[in-house]
Protein backbone atom coordinates (compact mmCIF):
# COMPACT_ATOMS: atom_id res chain seq x y z
CA UNK A 1 11.04 25.99 -9.49
CA UNK A 2 14.81 26.07 -9.59
CA UNK A 3 16.97 23.45 -11.29
CA UNK A 4 18.15 21.99 -7.96
CA UNK A 5 14.59 21.17 -6.88
CA UNK A 6 13.96 19.59 -10.29
CA UNK A 7 17.12 17.48 -9.90
CA UNK A 8 16.00 16.36 -6.43
CA UNK A 9 12.53 15.51 -7.78
CA UNK A 10 14.13 13.35 -10.50
CA UNK A 11 16.32 11.61 -7.91
CA UNK A 12 13.29 10.94 -5.69
CA UNK A 13 11.39 9.52 -8.66
CA UNK A 14 14.31 7.23 -9.48
CA UNK A 15 14.58 6.12 -5.86
CA UNK A 16 10.85 5.39 -5.74
CA UNK A 17 11.17 3.22 -8.84
CA UNK A 18 13.99 1.29 -7.16
CA UNK A 19 11.96 0.98 -3.97
CA UNK A 20 8.91 -0.32 -5.84
CA UNK A 21 11.12 -2.82 -7.64
CA UNK A 22 12.56 -4.15 -4.37
CA UNK A 23 9.10 -4.40 -2.77
CA UNK A 24 7.50 -6.03 -5.81
CA UNK A 25 10.32 -8.56 -6.10
CA UNK A 26 9.91 -9.52 -2.46
CA UNK A 27 6.16 -10.01 -2.93
CA UNK A 28 6.31 -11.80 -6.27
CA UNK A 29 9.03 -14.21 -5.18
CA UNK A 30 6.68 -15.92 -2.76
CA UNK A 31 3.07 -15.08 -3.69
CA UNK A 32 2.65 -15.61 -7.43
CA UNK A 33 -0.83 -17.06 -6.85
CA UNK A 34 -2.30 -13.82 -5.48
CA UNK A 35 -2.33 -11.10 -8.15
CA UNK A 36 -1.42 -7.51 -7.19
CA UNK A 37 -5.02 -6.26 -7.61
CA UNK A 38 -6.24 -8.85 -5.12
CA UNK A 39 -3.43 -8.01 -2.69
CA UNK A 40 -4.50 -4.37 -2.93
CA UNK A 41 -8.04 -5.40 -1.94
CA UNK A 42 -6.70 -7.30 1.06
CA UNK A 43 -4.56 -4.33 2.08
CA UNK A 44 -7.50 -1.92 1.85
CA UNK A 45 -9.72 -4.19 3.93
CA UNK A 46 -6.94 -4.76 6.47
CA UNK A 47 -6.59 -1.02 6.99
CA UNK A 48 -10.33 -0.39 7.53
CA UNK A 49 -12.42 -2.97 9.34
CA UNK A 50 -15.66 -1.27 8.22
CA UNK A 51 -15.06 -1.79 4.50
CA UNK A 52 -18.10 -2.66 2.45
CA UNK A 53 -18.37 -3.18 -1.31
CA UNK A 54 -19.10 0.45 -2.17
CA UNK A 55 -16.19 1.75 -0.05
CA UNK A 56 -13.89 -0.84 -1.61
CA UNK A 57 -14.97 0.10 -5.14
CA UNK A 58 -14.36 3.76 -4.30
CA UNK A 59 -10.91 3.04 -2.85
CA UNK A 60 -10.00 1.02 -5.95
CA UNK A 61 -11.58 3.58 -8.27
CA UNK A 62 -13.59 0.88 -10.03
CA UNK A 63 -17.28 0.11 -10.48
CA UNK A 64 -18.86 -2.03 -7.74
CA UNK A 65 -19.27 -5.04 -10.06
CA UNK A 66 -15.48 -5.11 -10.67
CA UNK A 67 -14.81 -4.91 -6.93
CA UNK A 68 -17.34 -7.69 -6.38
CA UNK A 69 -15.57 -9.97 -8.89
CA UNK A 70 -12.26 -9.39 -7.11
CA UNK A 71 -13.95 -10.29 -3.82
CA UNK A 72 -15.48 -13.42 -5.41
CA UNK A 73 -11.98 -14.63 -6.28
CA UNK A 74 -10.62 -13.82 -2.82
CA UNK A 75 -13.55 -15.54 -1.14
CA UNK A 76 -13.04 -18.64 -3.32
CA UNK A 77 -9.36 -18.65 -2.29
CA UNK A 78 -10.34 -18.56 1.39
CA UNK A 79 -8.88 -15.08 1.96
CA UNK A 80 -12.09 -13.07 2.37
CA UNK A 81 -15.50 -13.42 4.02
CA UNK A 82 -18.62 -11.37 3.45
CA UNK A 83 -20.66 -10.90 6.62
CA UNK A 84 -23.75 -8.85 7.45
CA UNK A 85 -22.83 -5.48 8.95
CA UNK A 86 -24.11 -5.48 12.55
CA UNK A 87 -24.89 -1.76 12.27
CA UNK A 88 -26.97 -2.13 9.08
CA UNK A 89 -28.01 -5.64 8.03
CA UNK A 90 -28.64 -4.42 4.45
CA UNK A 91 -24.89 -3.85 4.12
CA UNK A 92 -22.24 -6.52 3.73
CA UNK A 93 -18.95 -6.04 5.50
CA UNK A 94 -15.78 -7.48 3.98
CA UNK A 95 -13.60 -9.36 6.46
CA UNK A 96 -10.18 -10.92 6.06
CA UNK A 97 -9.74 -14.54 7.04
CA UNK A 98 -6.88 -15.64 9.26
CA UNK A 99 -5.17 -16.97 6.10
CA UNK A 100 -5.30 -13.50 4.55
CA UNK A 101 -3.86 -11.91 7.68
CA UNK A 102 -1.01 -14.45 7.71
CA UNK A 103 -0.38 -13.79 4.00
CA UNK A 104 -0.20 -10.01 4.54
CA UNK A 105 2.09 -10.48 7.55
CA UNK A 106 4.39 -12.74 5.51
CA UNK A 107 4.52 -10.25 2.64
CA UNK A 108 5.22 -7.37 5.03
CA UNK A 109 8.03 -9.36 6.67
CA UNK A 110 9.58 -10.30 3.31
CA UNK A 111 9.41 -6.69 2.15
CA UNK A 112 11.09 -5.45 5.32
CA UNK A 113 13.80 -8.09 4.95
CA UNK A 114 14.39 -7.08 1.31
CA UNK A 115 14.58 -3.41 2.31
CA UNK A 116 16.93 -4.24 5.20
CA UNK A 117 19.24 -6.07 2.81
CA UNK A 118 19.45 -3.01 0.56
CA UNK A 119 19.87 -0.63 3.50
CA UNK A 120 22.60 -2.86 4.93
CA UNK A 121 24.65 -2.23 1.79
CA UNK A 122 24.57 1.53 2.48
CA UNK A 123 27.08 3.23 4.76
CA UNK A 124 25.59 3.93 8.21
CA UNK A 125 25.94 7.70 7.75
CA UNK A 126 23.91 7.53 4.53
CA UNK A 127 21.20 5.48 6.26
CA UNK A 128 20.99 8.17 8.94
CA UNK A 129 20.73 10.87 6.25
CA UNK A 130 18.06 8.85 4.47
CA UNK A 131 16.04 8.52 7.65
CA UNK A 132 16.16 12.27 8.26
CA UNK A 133 15.29 13.02 4.64
CA UNK A 134 12.38 10.57 4.54
CA UNK A 135 11.01 11.92 7.81
CA UNK A 136 11.22 15.46 6.47
CA UNK A 137 9.59 14.42 3.19
CA UNK A 138 6.71 12.69 5.02
CA UNK A 139 6.13 15.81 7.12
CA UNK A 140 6.15 18.04 4.02
CA UNK A 141 3.68 15.71 2.28
CA UNK A 142 1.17 15.90 5.14
CA UNK A 143 -2.04 17.81 4.37
CA UNK A 144 -2.01 21.32 5.74
CA UNK A 145 -0.91 24.83 5.02
CA UNK A 146 2.44 23.83 3.52
CA UNK A 147 1.83 20.12 2.92
CA UNK A 148 0.63 18.18 -0.12
CA UNK A 149 -2.92 19.53 -0.05
CA UNK A 150 -1.66 23.04 0.51
CA UNK A 151 0.40 23.15 -2.68
CA UNK A 152 0.05 26.32 -4.63
CA UNK A 153 0.80 26.57 -8.30
CA UNK A 154 2.41 29.69 -9.67
């Protein structure tokens, strides 16, 4: 790997840290009562309507009892429901409540607003460059022959 690629990798890492900071600040400013681990659970369930406890534990990389405790807290807060899976009544499906969906929508909107405020401080030409670069990066990170899963080490 040449020095230029290493410099770009360091710049990307720095930018990601800034991005995470902006996103976390937007979330924390308005939702201090829902810890990040619980928000992660809600996000996982929101992205897959067939999530059960074992799939959640796998996605979180935790033991099922830890995932269950997180769900207990979310259920007590009125953000999660456990319902029998209509395909297999032995399984329990995890479902978001309307309150959880509103919470995730509010967080997403606040994050987008925080990002827009940062992007607004950039010159338009740099925003256009950023868009092209991020699009190219996302394409290169896709699984495939030359993407993230196709990486070869020398």
